[in-house]
C-alpha atoms as a PDB file:
ATOM      1  CA  MET A   1     -10.585  88.550 -69.574  1.00  0.00           C
ATOM      2  CA  LYS A   2      -9.890  89.006 -73.218  1.00  0.00           C
ATOM      3  CA  ILE A   3     -12.428  89.020 -75.649  1.00  0.00           C
ATOM      4  CA  LYS A   4     -11.478  92.271 -77.961  1.00  0.00           C
ATOM      5  CA  PRO A   5      -7.553  93.085 -77.399  1.00  0.00           C
ATOM      6  CA  VAL A   6      -8.465  96.105 -75.012  1.00  0.00           C
ATOM      7  CA  LEU A   7     -10.345  93.819 -72.594  1.00  0.00           C
ATOM      8  CA  VAL A   8      -6.955  91.969 -72.650  1.00  0.00           C
ATOM      9  CA  ALA A   9      -5.236  94.524 -71.615  1.00  0.00           C
ATOM     10  CA  ILE A  10      -6.915  95.974 -68.946  1.00  0.00           C
ATOM     11  CA  GLY A  11      -7.162  92.424 -67.616  1.00  0.00           C
ATOM     12  CA  ALA A  12      -3.508  92.572 -67.494  1.00  0.00           C
ATOM     13  CA  LEU A  13      -2.751  95.492 -65.938  1.00  0.00           C
ATOM     14  CA  CYS A  14      -5.525  94.380 -63.044  1.00  0.00           C
ATOM     15  CA  LEU A  15      -3.372  91.456 -62.789  1.00  0.00           C
ATOM     16  CA  ALA A  16      -0.508  93.280 -61.811  1.00  0.00           C
ATOM     17  CA  ALA A  17      -2.074  94.791 -58.696  1.00  0.00           C
ATOM     18  CA  THR A  18      -3.832  91.482 -57.455  1.00  0.00           C
ATOM     19  CA  ALA A  19      -2.271  89.970 -53.809  1.00  0.00           C
ATOM     20  CA  ALA A  20       0.626  88.543 -53.557  1.00  0.00           C
ATOM     21  CA  CYS A  21       0.572  85.103 -52.018  1.00  0.00           C
ATOM     22  CA  ALA A  22       3.452  83.165 -52.938  1.00  0.00           C
ATOM     23  CA  THR A  23       7.373  82.289 -51.375  1.00  0.00           C
ATOM     24  CA  THR A  24      10.110  81.058 -52.549  1.00  0.00           C
ATOM     25  CA  THR A  25      12.584  78.508 -51.432  1.00  0.00           C
ATOM     26  CA  THR A  26      15.960  76.749 -52.697  1.00  0.00           C
ATOM     27  CA  ALA A  27      17.184  73.527 -51.682  1.00  0.00           C
ATOM     28  CA  ALA A  28      21.056  73.885 -50.297  1.00  0.00           C
ATOM     29  CA  GLU A  29      23.361  73.797 -53.101  1.00  0.00           C
ATOM     30  CA  PRO A  30      25.514  71.089 -53.015  1.00  0.00           C
ATOM     31  CA  ALA A  31      28.938  71.764 -51.605  1.00  0.00           C
ATOM     32  CA  ASP A  32      31.506  70.420 -53.749  1.00  0.00           C
ATOM     33  CA  ASN A  33      30.093  72.107 -56.440  1.00  0.00           C
ATOM     34  CA  ALA A  34      28.928  75.870 -55.432  1.00  0.00           C
ATOM     35  CA  LYS A  35      28.503  77.359 -58.733  1.00  0.00           C
ATOM     36  CA  SER A  36      26.083  75.209 -60.225  1.00  0.00           C
ATOM     37  CA  PRO A  37      22.304  75.299 -60.539  1.00  0.00           C
ATOM     38  CA  ALA A  38      20.905  74.001 -57.575  1.00  0.00           C
ATOM     39  CA  TYR A  39      18.166  70.955 -58.064  1.00  0.00           C
ATOM     40  CA  PRO A  40      15.728  70.181 -56.813  1.00  0.00           C
ATOM     41  CA  VAL A  41      14.582  73.242 -56.740  1.00  0.00           C
ATOM     42  CA  THR A  42      11.354  73.824 -54.393  1.00  0.00           C
ATOM     43  CA  ILE A  43       8.796  76.788 -55.275  1.00  0.00           C
ATOM     44  CA  THR A  44       5.661  77.616 -53.718  1.00  0.00           C
ATOM     45  CA  ASN A  45       3.608  79.674 -56.044  1.00  0.00           C
ATOM     46  CA  CYS A  46      -0.093  80.604 -54.724  1.00  0.00           C
ATOM     47  CA  GLY A  47      -0.038  78.468 -52.104  1.00  0.00           C
ATOM     48  CA  LYS A  48       1.075  75.244 -53.920  1.00  0.00           C
ATOM     49  CA  GLU A  49       4.505  73.631 -53.879  1.00  0.00           C
ATOM     50  CA  TYR A  50       6.178  72.653 -56.963  1.00  0.00           C
ATOM     51  CA  THR A  51       9.811  70.632 -57.078  1.00  0.00           C
ATOM     52  CA  TYR A  52      11.658  71.250 -60.308  1.00  0.00           C
ATOM     53  CA  THR A  53      14.861  68.345 -60.888  1.00  0.00           C
ATOM     54  CA  LYS A  54      15.894  70.203 -63.718  1.00  0.00           C
ATOM     55  CA  ALA A  55      15.621  73.329 -65.737  1.00  0.00           C
ATOM     56  CA  PRO A  56      12.537  73.671 -67.858  1.00  0.00           C
ATOM     57  CA  SER A  57      13.252  72.931 -71.780  1.00  0.00           C
ATOM     58  CA  ARG A  58       9.503  73.129 -73.004  1.00  0.00           C
ATOM     59  CA  VAL A  59       8.298  76.527 -72.066  1.00  0.00           C
ATOM     60  CA  VAL A  60       4.596  77.127 -72.629  1.00  0.00           C
ATOM     61  CA  VAL A  61       3.810  81.322 -72.335  1.00  0.00           C
ATOM     62  CA  MET A  62      -0.052  82.058 -72.246  1.00  0.00           C
ATOM     63  CA  ASN A  63      -1.473  85.579 -73.092  1.00  0.00           C
ATOM     64  CA  GLY A  64      -3.510  87.006 -70.311  1.00  0.00           C
ATOM     65  CA  GLY A  65      -2.863  90.367 -72.370  1.00  0.00           C
ATOM     66  CA  SER A  66       1.074  90.373 -70.986  1.00  0.00           C
ATOM     67  CA  VAL A  67       4.436  91.252 -71.733  1.00  0.00           C
ATOM     68  CA  ALA A  68       6.139  90.329 -68.032  1.00  0.00           C
ATOM     69  CA  GLU A  69       6.731  86.883 -68.299  1.00  0.00           C
ATOM     70  CA  VAL A  70       8.024  86.213 -71.907  1.00  0.00           C
ATOM     71  CA  SER A  71      10.175  89.685 -71.418  1.00  0.00           C
ATOM     72  CA  ALA A  72      11.599  88.740 -68.173  1.00  0.00           C
ATOM     73  CA  LEU A  73      12.254  85.184 -70.000  1.00  0.00           C
ATOM     74  CA  LEU A  74      14.144  87.062 -73.284  1.00  0.00           C
ATOM     75  CA  GLU A  75      16.150  89.138 -70.571  1.00  0.00           C
ATOM     76  CA  LEU A  76      17.344  85.923 -68.877  1.00  0.00           C
ATOM     77  CA  GLY A  77      18.611  84.536 -71.851  1.00  0.00           C
ATOM     78  CA  LEU A  78      15.476  81.968 -72.116  1.00  0.00           C
ATOM     79  CA  GLY A  79      13.950  82.184 -75.590  1.00  0.00           C
ATOM     80  CA  ASP A  80      15.228  78.989 -76.744  1.00  0.00           C
ATOM     81  CA  LYS A  81      12.901  77.345 -73.975  1.00  0.00           C
ATOM     82  CA  ILE A  82      10.085  78.466 -75.225  1.00  0.00           C
ATOM     83  CA  VAL A  83       7.991  76.143 -77.565  1.00  0.00           C
ATOM     84  CA  ALA A  84       4.815  78.579 -77.895  1.00  0.00           C
ATOM     85  CA  ASN A  85       4.159  82.422 -76.860  1.00  0.00           C
ATOM     86  CA  ALA A  86       1.164  83.706 -76.668  1.00  0.00           C
ATOM     87  CA  GLN A  87       1.821  87.074 -75.586  1.00  0.00           C
ATOM     88  CA  SER A  88       2.413  90.218 -77.363  1.00  0.00           C
ATOM     89  CA  TYR A  89       2.433  93.914 -77.103  1.00  0.00           C
ATOM     90  CA  GLY A  90       3.873  95.736 -80.300  1.00  0.00           C
ATOM     91  CA  ASP A  91       5.497  98.416 -78.426  1.00  0.00           C
ATOM     92  CA  SER A  92       9.004  98.363 -76.228  1.00  0.00           C
ATOM     93  CA  GLU A  93      11.533 100.484 -75.025  1.00  0.00           C
ATOM     94  CA  VAL A  94      13.694  98.224 -75.284  1.00  0.00           C
ATOM     95  CA  PRO A  95      15.382  97.826 -78.871  1.00  0.00           C
ATOM     96  CA  GLY A  96      14.731  94.783 -80.276  1.00  0.00           C
ATOM     97  CA  ARG A  97      12.182  92.885 -78.210  1.00  0.00           C
ATOM     98  CA  VAL A  98       9.231  93.602 -80.453  1.00  0.00           C
ATOM     99  CA  GLU A  99      10.939  91.527 -83.137  1.00  0.00           C
ATOM    100  CA  ALA A 100      12.175  88.970 -80.471  1.00  0.00           C
ATOM    101  CA  ILE A 101       8.755  88.251 -79.598  1.00  0.00           C
ATOM    102  CA  LYS A 102       7.404  88.071 -82.667  1.00  0.00           C
ATOM    103  CA  ALA A 103      10.432  85.238 -83.689  1.00  0.00           C
ATOM    104  CA  LEU A 104       9.057  83.195 -80.552  1.00  0.00           C
ATOM    105  CA  PRO A 105       7.304  80.236 -81.882  1.00  0.00           C
ATOM    106  CA  THR A 106       3.860  80.248 -81.408  1.00  0.00           C
ATOM    107  CA  GLY A 107       2.942  76.413 -81.220  1.00  0.00           C
ATOM    108  CA  ASP A 108       0.658  77.046 -84.866  1.00  0.00           C
ATOM    109  CA  ILE A 109      -2.225  77.147 -81.575  1.00  0.00           C
ATOM    110  CA  GLU A 110      -5.808  78.264 -82.429  1.00  0.00           C
ATOM    111  CA  LEU A 111      -6.450  80.682 -79.269  1.00  0.00           C
ATOM    112  CA  ASN A 112      -9.779  80.654 -77.858  1.00  0.00           C
ATOM    113  CA  GLU A 113     -12.171  83.839 -78.041  1.00  0.00           C
ATOM    114  CA  MET A 114     -10.180  85.313 -74.785  1.00  0.00           C
ATOM    115  CA  MET A 115      -7.158  84.856 -77.137  1.00  0.00           C
ATOM    116  CA  ASP A 116      -5.742  82.556 -74.955  1.00  0.00           C
ATOM    117  CA  ILE A 117      -4.293  78.850 -74.928  1.00  0.00           C
ATOM    118  CA  PRO A 118      -7.718  76.204 -74.121  1.00  0.00           C
ATOM    119  CA  ARG A 119      -6.787  73.101 -72.259  1.00  0.00           C
ATOM    120  CA  GLU A 120      -6.573  70.398 -75.030  1.00  0.00           C
ATOM    121  CA  ALA A 121      -4.454  72.502 -77.385  1.00  0.00           C
ATOM    122  CA  MET A 122      -2.270  73.088 -73.836  1.00  0.00           C
ATOM    123  CA  ILE A 123      -1.758  69.650 -73.624  1.00  0.00           C
ATOM    124  CA  GLY A 124      -1.030  68.759 -76.942  1.00  0.00           C
ATOM    125  CA  LEU A 125       2.126  71.521 -76.512  1.00  0.00           C
ATOM    126  CA  ARG A 126       3.608  68.247 -73.876  1.00  0.00           C
ATOM    127  CA  PRO A 127       5.257  71.275 -71.940  1.00  0.00           C
ATOM    128  CA  ASP A 128       7.023  70.605 -68.671  1.00  0.00           C
ATOM    129  CA  PHE A 129       6.866  74.511 -67.477  1.00  0.00           C
ATOM    130  CA  VAL A 130       3.845  76.463 -67.892  1.00  0.00           C
ATOM    131  CA  ILE A 131       3.619  80.427 -67.235  1.00  0.00           C
ATOM    132  CA  SER A 132       0.226  82.501 -66.825  1.00  0.00           C
ATOM    133  CA  THR A 133       0.007  85.724 -66.233  1.00  0.00           C
ATOM    134  CA  TYR A 134      -2.339  85.476 -63.016  1.00  0.00           C
ATOM    135  CA  ASP A 135      -3.539  81.970 -61.417  1.00  0.00           C
ATOM    136  CA  GLY A 136      -6.964  82.586 -63.239  1.00  0.00           C
ATOM    137  CA  GLY A 137      -5.244  81.258 -66.211  1.00  0.00           C
ATOM    138  CA  PHE A 138      -5.603  77.701 -64.667  1.00  0.00           C
ATOM    139  CA  ARG A 139      -9.406  77.834 -64.699  1.00  0.00           C
ATOM    140  CA  ALA A 140     -11.354  74.775 -65.771  1.00  0.00           C
ATOM    141  CA  GLU A 141     -14.561  76.785 -65.684  1.00  0.00           C
ATOM    142  CA  ALA A 142     -12.556  79.374 -68.623  1.00  0.00           C
ATOM    143  CA  GLY A 143     -11.969  76.090 -70.370  1.00  0.00           C
ATOM    144  CA  PHE A 144      -8.281  76.129 -69.357  1.00  0.00           C
ATOM    145  CA  ALA A 145      -6.238  73.787 -69.173  1.00  0.00           C
ATOM    146  CA  THR A 146      -5.752  73.554 -64.718  1.00  0.00           C
ATOM    147  CA  ARG A 147      -2.629  73.282 -62.737  1.00  0.00           C
ATOM    148  CA  ASP A 148      -3.811  69.578 -61.878  1.00  0.00           C
ATOM    149  CA  ASP A 149      -4.284  68.878 -65.420  1.00  0.00           C
ATOM    150  CA  LEU A 150      -0.671  70.044 -66.057  1.00  0.00           C
ATOM    151  CA  ALA A 151       0.900  67.939 -63.199  1.00  0.00           C
ATOM    152  CA  LYS A 152      -0.460  64.715 -64.769  1.00  0.00           C
ATOM    153  CA  ILE A 153       1.741  65.058 -67.785  1.00  0.00           C
ATOM    154  CA  GLY A 154       4.759  66.518 -65.623  1.00  0.00           C
ATOM    155  CA  ALA A 155       4.316  70.123 -66.402  1.00  0.00           C
ATOM    156  CA  ASN A 156       4.971  72.779 -63.319  1.00  0.00           C
ATOM    157  CA  THR A 157       2.877  75.808 -63.628  1.00  0.00           C
ATOM    158  CA  TYR A 158       3.860  79.436 -62.394  1.00  0.00           C
ATOM    159  CA  ALA A 159       2.130  82.950 -62.033  1.00  0.00           C
ATOM    160  CA  PRO A 160       3.696  85.874 -60.497  1.00  0.00           C
ATOM    161  CA  GLN A 161       3.478  85.624 -57.434  1.00  0.00           C
ATOM    162  CA  SER A 162       2.067  89.430 -57.329  1.00  0.00           C
ATOM    163  CA  ALA A 163      -0.778  88.101 -59.354  1.00  0.00           C
ATOM    164  CA  CYS A 164      -2.090  85.150 -57.036  1.00  0.00           C
ATOM    165  CA  GLY A 165      -5.342  86.732 -55.876  1.00  0.00           C
ATOM    166  CA  GLU A 166      -8.446  87.487 -57.416  1.00  0.00           C
ATOM    167  CA  VAL A 167      -8.737  89.868 -60.027  1.00  0.00           C
ATOM    168  CA  GLY A 168     -10.137  93.164 -59.255  1.00  0.00           C
ATOM    169  CA  THR A 169      -9.472  95.371 -56.445  1.00  0.00           C
ATOM    170  CA  VAL A 170      -5.886  95.749 -55.236  1.00  0.00           C
ATOM    171  CA  SER A 171      -5.340  94.471 -52.253  1.00  0.00           C
ATOM    172  CA  HIS A 172      -1.417  95.577 -51.824  1.00  0.00           C
ATOM    173  CA  LYS A 173       0.467  98.298 -53.116  1.00  0.00           C
ATOM    174  CA  PRO A 174       2.216  96.958 -56.505  1.00  0.00           C
ATOM    175  CA  THR A 175       5.851  97.972 -55.778  1.00  0.00           C
ATOM    176  CA  ILE A 176       9.160  97.515 -58.775  1.00  0.00           C
ATOM    177  CA  GLU A 177       9.688  94.697 -56.315  1.00  0.00           C
ATOM    178  CA  ASP A 178       7.116  92.531 -57.392  1.00  0.00           C
ATOM    179  CA  SER A 179       9.236  92.248 -60.886  1.00  0.00           C
ATOM    180  CA  TYR A 180      12.110  91.686 -59.117  1.00  0.00           C
ATOM    181  CA  THR A 181      10.290  88.515 -57.405  1.00  0.00           C
ATOM    182  CA  MET A 182       9.167  87.147 -60.436  1.00  0.00           C
ATOM    183  CA  LEU A 183      12.894  87.651 -62.453  1.00  0.00           C
ATOM    184  CA  ARG A 184      13.999  85.793 -59.245  1.00  0.00           C
ATOM    185  CA  ASP A 185      11.567  82.905 -59.478  1.00  0.00           C
ATOM    186  CA  LEU A 186      12.324  82.183 -62.777  1.00  0.00           C
ATOM    187  CA  GLY A 187      16.292  82.596 -62.060  1.00  0.00           C
ATOM    188  CA  LYS A 188      16.078  79.815 -60.021  1.00  0.00           C
ATOM    189  CA  ILE A 189      13.641  77.749 -61.553  1.00  0.00           C
ATOM    190  CA  PHE A 190      15.777  77.953 -64.515  1.00  0.00           C
ATOM    191  CA  GLY A 191      19.372  77.937 -62.820  1.00  0.00           C
ATOM    192  CA  VAL A 192      20.310  81.177 -63.950  1.00  0.00           C
ATOM    193  CA  SER A 193      19.952  83.015 -60.372  1.00  0.00           C
ATOM    194  CA  ASP A 194      22.963  84.936 -61.172  1.00  0.00           C
ATOM    195  CA  LYS A 195      21.610  86.342 -64.112  1.00  0.00           C
ATOM    196  CA  ALA A 196      18.757  87.521 -62.374  1.00  0.00           C
ATOM    197  CA  GLU A 197      20.018  89.102 -59.567  1.00  0.00           C
ATOM    198  CA  LYS A 198      22.558  90.891 -62.162  1.00  0.00           C
ATOM    199  CA  ILE A 199      19.539  92.215 -63.739  1.00  0.00           C
ATOM    200  CA  ILE A 200      18.386  93.248 -61.056  1.00  0.00           C
ATOM    201  CA  ALA A 201      21.224  95.155 -59.664  1.00  0.00           C
ATOM    202  CA  ASP A 202      21.425  96.952 -62.635  1.00  0.00           C
ATOM    203  CA  SER A 203      17.854  98.281 -62.821  1.00  0.00           C
ATOM    204  CA  GLU A 204      18.275  99.185 -58.805  1.00  0.00           C
ATOM    205  CA  GLU A 205      21.434 101.072 -59.258  1.00  0.00           C
ATOM    206  CA  ARG A 206      19.933 103.109 -62.232  1.00  0.00           C
ATOM    207  CA  ILE A 207      17.087 103.506 -60.274  1.00  0.00           C
ATOM    208  CA  ALA A 208      19.049 104.849 -57.474  1.00  0.00           C
ATOM    209  CA  ALA A 209      20.709 107.229 -59.331  1.00  0.00           C
ATOM    210  CA  VAL A 210      17.457 108.635 -60.726  1.00  0.00           C
ATOM    211  CA  GLU A 211      16.205 109.094 -57.431  1.00  0.00           C
ATOM    212  CA  LYS A 212      19.404 110.795 -55.681  1.00  0.00           C
ATOM    213  CA  LYS A 213      18.922 113.555 -58.554  1.00  0.00           C
ATOM    214  CA  VAL A 214      15.517 114.194 -58.510  1.00  0.00           C
ATOM    215  CA  ALA A 215      15.667 114.103 -54.883  1.00  0.00           C
ATOM    216  CA  ASP A 216      15.572 118.118 -54.159  1.00  0.00           C
ATOM    217  CA  ALA A 217      13.259 118.936 -57.163  1.00  0.00           C
ATOM    218  CA  GLU A 218       9.741 119.932 -57.491  1.00  0.00           C
ATOM    219  CA  LYS A 219       7.474 117.102 -57.131  1.00  0.00           C
ATOM    220  CA  LEU A 220       4.742 117.416 -60.016  1.00  0.00           C
ATOM    221  CA  ASN A 221       1.560 115.739 -60.138  1.00  0.00           C
ATOM    222  CA  ALA A 222       0.898 113.519 -63.034  1.00  0.00           C
ATOM    223  CA  MET A 223      -1.602 111.899 -64.817  1.00  0.00           C
ATOM    224  CA  LEU A 224      -1.473 108.467 -66.607  1.00  0.00           C
ATOM    225  CA  ILE A 225      -3.598 107.515 -69.444  1.00  0.00           C
ATOM    226  CA  ILE A 226      -3.568 104.649 -72.080  1.00  0.00           C
ATOM    227  CA  PRO A 227      -5.992 105.842 -74.114  1.00  0.00           C
ATOM    228  CA  GLY A 228      -6.449 102.728 -76.468  1.00  0.00           C
ATOM    229  CA  MET A 229      -7.559 100.887 -73.607  1.00  0.00           C
ATOM    230  CA  ALA A 230     -10.700 103.337 -72.698  1.00  0.00           C
ATOM    231  CA  MET A 231     -13.639 101.511 -72.439  1.00  0.00           C
ATOM    232  CA  GLY A 232     -16.740 103.787 -73.520  1.00  0.00           C
ATOM    233  CA  ASP A 233     -15.715 106.409 -71.225  1.00  0.00           C
ATOM    234  CA  GLN A 234     -12.592 108.691 -72.116  1.00  0.00           C
ATOM    235  CA  PHE A 235     -11.041 108.487 -69.031  1.00  0.00           C
ATOM    236  CA  SER A 236     -11.666 105.158 -67.893  1.00  0.00           C
ATOM    237  CA  SER A 237      -7.898 104.249 -68.488  1.00  0.00           C
ATOM    238  CA  VAL A 238      -6.650 106.848 -66.229  1.00  0.00           C
ATOM    239  CA  GLY A 239      -4.210 105.211 -63.833  1.00  0.00           C
ATOM    240  CA  ASP A 240      -4.943 104.624 -59.922  1.00  0.00           C
ATOM    241  CA  ASN A 241      -3.268 101.769 -57.801  1.00  0.00           C
ATOM    242  CA  GLY A 242      -0.346 100.319 -59.744  1.00  0.00           C
ATOM    243  CA  ILE A 243       3.017  99.545 -60.266  1.00  0.00           C
ATOM    244  CA  TRP A 244       3.349 102.544 -62.000  1.00  0.00           C
ATOM    245  CA  ASN A 245       3.012 104.581 -58.803  1.00  0.00           C
ATOM    246  CA  ASP A 246       6.113 103.340 -57.728  1.00  0.00           C
ATOM    247  CA  ILE A 247       7.767 103.833 -60.961  1.00  0.00           C
ATOM    248  CA  MET A 248       6.520 107.631 -61.046  1.00  0.00           C
ATOM    249  CA  ALA A 249       7.072 108.088 -57.148  1.00  0.00           C
ATOM    250  CA  LYS A 250      11.053 107.000 -57.894  1.00  0.00           C
ATOM    251  CA  ALA A 251      11.326 109.208 -60.842  1.00  0.00           C
ATOM    252  CA  GLY A 252       9.952 112.637 -58.558  1.00  0.00           C
ATOM    253  CA  VAL A 253       6.076 112.420 -59.856  1.00  0.00           C
ATOM    254  CA  THR A 254       2.991 111.782 -58.189  1.00  0.00           C
ATOM    255  CA  ASN A 255       0.153 110.226 -59.629  1.00  0.00           C
ATOM    256  CA  ALA A 256      -2.831 112.627 -59.260  1.00  0.00           C
ATOM    257  CA  PHE A 257      -5.302 110.252 -59.404  1.00  0.00           C
ATOM    258  CA  ALA A 258      -3.786 107.440 -56.614  1.00  0.00           C
ATOM    259  CA  GLY A 259      -6.296 106.500 -54.432  1.00  0.00           C
ATOM    260  CA  ALA A 260      -8.987 107.637 -55.937  1.00  0.00           C
ATOM    261  CA  SER A 261     -11.000 104.137 -55.855  1.00  0.00           C
ATOM    262  CA  GLU A 262      -9.406 100.457 -54.685  1.00  0.00           C
ATOM    263  CA  ASN A 263      -9.121  99.712 -58.527  1.00  0.00           C
ATOM    264  CA  MET A 264      -6.200 100.144 -60.871  1.00  0.00           C
ATOM    265  CA  PHE A 265      -8.047 102.543 -62.792  1.00  0.00           C
ATOM    266  CA  ALA A 266      -9.471 105.597 -61.650  1.00  0.00           C
ATOM    267  CA  ASN A 267     -12.548 106.627 -64.098  1.00  0.00           C
ATOM    268  CA  PRO A 268     -12.851 109.724 -63.408  1.00  0.00           C
ATOM    269  CA  SER A 269     -15.610 112.269 -65.174  1.00  0.00           C
ATOM    270  CA  LYS A 270     -14.137 115.161 -67.310  1.00  0.00           C
ATOM    271  CA  GLU A 271     -15.056 117.472 -64.797  1.00  0.00           C
ATOM    272  CA  GLN A 272     -12.777 115.514 -62.216  1.00  0.00           C
ATOM    273  CA  VAL A 273      -9.905 115.903 -65.224  1.00  0.00           C
ATOM    274  CA  ALA A 274     -10.386 119.119 -65.764  1.00  0.00           C
ATOM    275  CA  LYS A 275     -10.363 120.608 -61.991  1.00  0.00           C
ATOM    276  CA  ALA A 276      -7.150 118.534 -61.152  1.00  0.00           C
ATOM    277  CA  ASP A 277      -3.745 119.668 -60.901  1.00  0.00           C
ATOM    278  CA  ILE A 278      -1.770 118.244 -63.795  1.00  0.00           C
ATOM    279  CA  ASP A 279       1.693 119.367 -64.237  1.00  0.00           C
ATOM    280  CA  ALA A 280       2.565 116.592 -66.455  1.00  0.00           C
ATOM    281  CA  LEU A 281       1.177 113.881 -68.391  1.00  0.00           C
ATOM    282  CA  ILE A 282       1.881 110.193 -69.556  1.00  0.00           C
ATOM    283  CA  VAL A 283       0.436 108.563 -72.156  1.00  0.00           C
ATOM    284  CA  VAL A 284       0.841 104.754 -72.169  1.00  0.00           C
ATOM    285  CA  ASN A 285       0.955 103.365 -75.901  1.00  0.00           C
ATOM    286  CA  TYR A 286      -1.156 100.590 -76.429  1.00  0.00           C
ATOM    287  CA  MET A 287      -1.861  99.902 -80.366  1.00  0.00           C
ATOM    288  CA  SER A 288      -1.898 103.766 -81.185  1.00  0.00           C
ATOM    289  CA  ALA A 289      -1.018 104.836 -84.272  1.00  0.00           C
ATOM    290  CA  ASP A 290       0.355 108.188 -83.033  1.00  0.00           C
ATOM    291  CA  PRO A 291       0.608 108.219 -79.317  1.00  0.00           C
ATOM    292  CA  ASP A 292       2.050 111.908 -79.659  1.00  0.00           C
ATOM    293  CA  ALA A 293      -0.934 113.098 -81.281  1.00  0.00           C
ATOM    294  CA  ASP A 294      -2.988 111.033 -78.103  1.00  0.00           C
ATOM    295  CA  ALA A 295      -1.104 113.574 -75.857  1.00  0.00           C
ATOM    296  CA  LYS A 296      -1.269 116.529 -77.224  1.00  0.00           C
ATOM    297  CA  LYS A 297      -5.213 116.317 -77.651  1.00  0.00           C
ATOM    298  CA  LEU A 298      -5.241 115.812 -74.111  1.00  0.00           C
ATOM    299  CA  LEU A 299      -3.119 118.817 -73.487  1.00  0.00           C
ATOM    300  CA  ASP A 300      -5.555 120.715 -75.879  1.00  0.00           C
ATOM    301  CA  GLN A 301      -8.373 119.765 -74.197  1.00  0.00           C
ATOM    302  CA  PHE A 302      -7.296 120.743 -70.902  1.00  0.00           C
ATOM    303  CA  PRO A 303      -5.334 124.045 -71.546  1.00  0.00           C
ATOM    304  CA  GLN A 304      -5.546 125.011 -67.666  1.00  0.00           C
ATOM    305  CA  TRP A 305      -3.020 122.549 -66.885  1.00  0.00           C
ATOM    306  CA  ASP A 306       0.512 123.129 -65.803  1.00  0.00           C
ATOM    307  CA  ALA A 307       1.217 120.220 -68.184  1.00  0.00           C
ATOM    308  CA  ALA A 308      -0.618 121.997 -70.868  1.00  0.00           C
ATOM    309  CA  LYS A 309       1.192 125.032 -70.639  1.00  0.00           C
ATOM    310  CA  ASN A 310       4.664 123.644 -70.572  1.00  0.00           C
ATOM    311  CA  ASN A 311       3.674 120.737 -72.941  1.00  0.00           C
ATOM    312  CA  ARG A 312       4.922 118.454 -70.460  1.00  0.00           C
ATOM    313  CA  TYR A 313       4.486 115.109 -71.813  1.00  0.00           C
ATOM    314  CA  VAL A 314       5.876 111.519 -72.018  1.00  0.00           C
ATOM    315  CA  VAL A 315       5.165 108.643 -73.654  1.00  0.00           C
ATOM    316  CA  LEU A 316       5.825 105.242 -72.475  1.00  0.00           C
ATOM    317  CA  SER A 317       5.009 101.649 -73.313  1.00  0.00           C
ATOM    318  CA  ASP A 318       5.964  97.971 -71.780  1.00  0.00           C
ATOM    319  CA  SER A 319       8.289  99.604 -69.164  1.00  0.00           C
ATOM    320  CA  ILE A 320       5.480 101.012 -67.089  1.00  0.00           C
ATOM    321  CA  TYR A 321       4.332  97.913 -66.024  1.00  0.00           C
ATOM    322  CA  LEU A 322       5.310  94.442 -64.371  1.00  0.00           C
ATOM    323  CA  GLY A 323       8.349  93.586 -66.164  1.00  0.00           C
ATOM    324  CA  PRO A 324      12.154  93.519 -66.188  1.00  0.00           C
ATOM    325  CA  SER A 325      12.701  97.152 -67.546  1.00  0.00           C
ATOM    326  CA  ASN A 326      11.064  99.459 -64.809  1.00  0.00           C
ATOM    327  CA  ALA A 327      14.469 101.258 -64.639  1.00  0.00           C
ATOM    328  CA  ILE A 328      13.520 102.525 -68.555  1.00  0.00           C
ATOM    329  CA  ALA A 329      10.428 104.344 -67.316  1.00  0.00           C
ATOM    330  CA  VAL A 330      11.854 105.887 -64.276  1.00  0.00           C
ATOM    331  CA  GLU A 331      14.859 107.663 -65.980  1.00  0.00           C
ATOM    332  CA  GLU A 332      12.415 108.749 -69.067  1.00  0.00           C
ATOM    333  CA  ILE A 333      10.072 110.143 -66.535  1.00  0.00           C
ATOM    334  CA  ALA A 334      12.697 111.979 -64.451  1.00  0.00           C
ATOM    335  CA  LYS A 335      14.249 112.938 -68.043  1.00  0.00           C
ATOM    336  CA  ALA A 336      10.698 114.690 -69.402  1.00  0.00           C
ATOM    337  CA  PHE A 337       9.685 116.029 -66.002  1.00  0.00           C
ATOM    338  CA  HIS A 338      12.872 117.016 -64.180  1.00  0.00           C
ATOM    339  CA  PRO A 339      15.292 117.546 -66.992  1.00  0.00           C
ATOM    340  CA  ASP A 340      17.168 120.050 -65.137  1.00  0.00           C
ATOM    341  CA  ALA A 341      17.979 117.289 -62.548  1.00  0.00           C
ATOM    342  CA  SER A 342      18.449 114.338 -64.968  1.00  0.00           C
END
């Protein structure tokens, strides 16, 4: 996890690729008021059932290096339900999101060495709903409040369904559907399913429009890299298996390093990168003072790439990860790499 900011962010990306293990069921809506939120609502999350008799009102969002969860809550108009948020990323394609996250209460918590909320502080917040980025955020051995600890004080717990398994290898192919599943779950939990479905429908419509435009465009090979997260080796943060593969495919682009390993990151050698056919470059901004300079440095380093010859790159941030804004990433990639089609 997160002993340093770089470690946290890499951990967060790994979470987005772990195996899905949850399903959702909803109690039948009252016949006399079909438009009202249907409570009780039962959510099966990471193998356990959680029943909600009303919408949570004291929400705590754990860190884990992600902003998917807090961004989803904000997108659903639920920011006023948050009593403590530990998530931040520092950049976003969504206007105002960075500022909105910064404005959320933090609970004045002294975070632990993993930059997350320790057990006693969590209990002291008196939450009725706690969101972790993955099931490991409730591990006693890591100093966190367990799901059972939180249940004893009346708090339900949740991790994105796509992140219920162990962190590490990818056991399913992450897709944009994982983002939609999280939105649907939160919509049901908070009684705002109509809002969640509207967000999802808008995303699906925008992505479908891009797919139609690029259907006949030349498929380009792209390398995705997160320079600010490189761990020692320059290319340790080259994307391999992740939700970005689905995003890229819908924009008419193929990840040149997809399937290179079973992990989130390919970690190729410099020689492998030099030999790869890279038509386009996707730089994901993570705490960089100048991500465009990062991109140009890579293009200068490998002038043999078609990407370098055509100065073909795009800079993205939170839209490329699990979260409510994947349509933006699809649109931006298509616009940068298939301008005639988009």
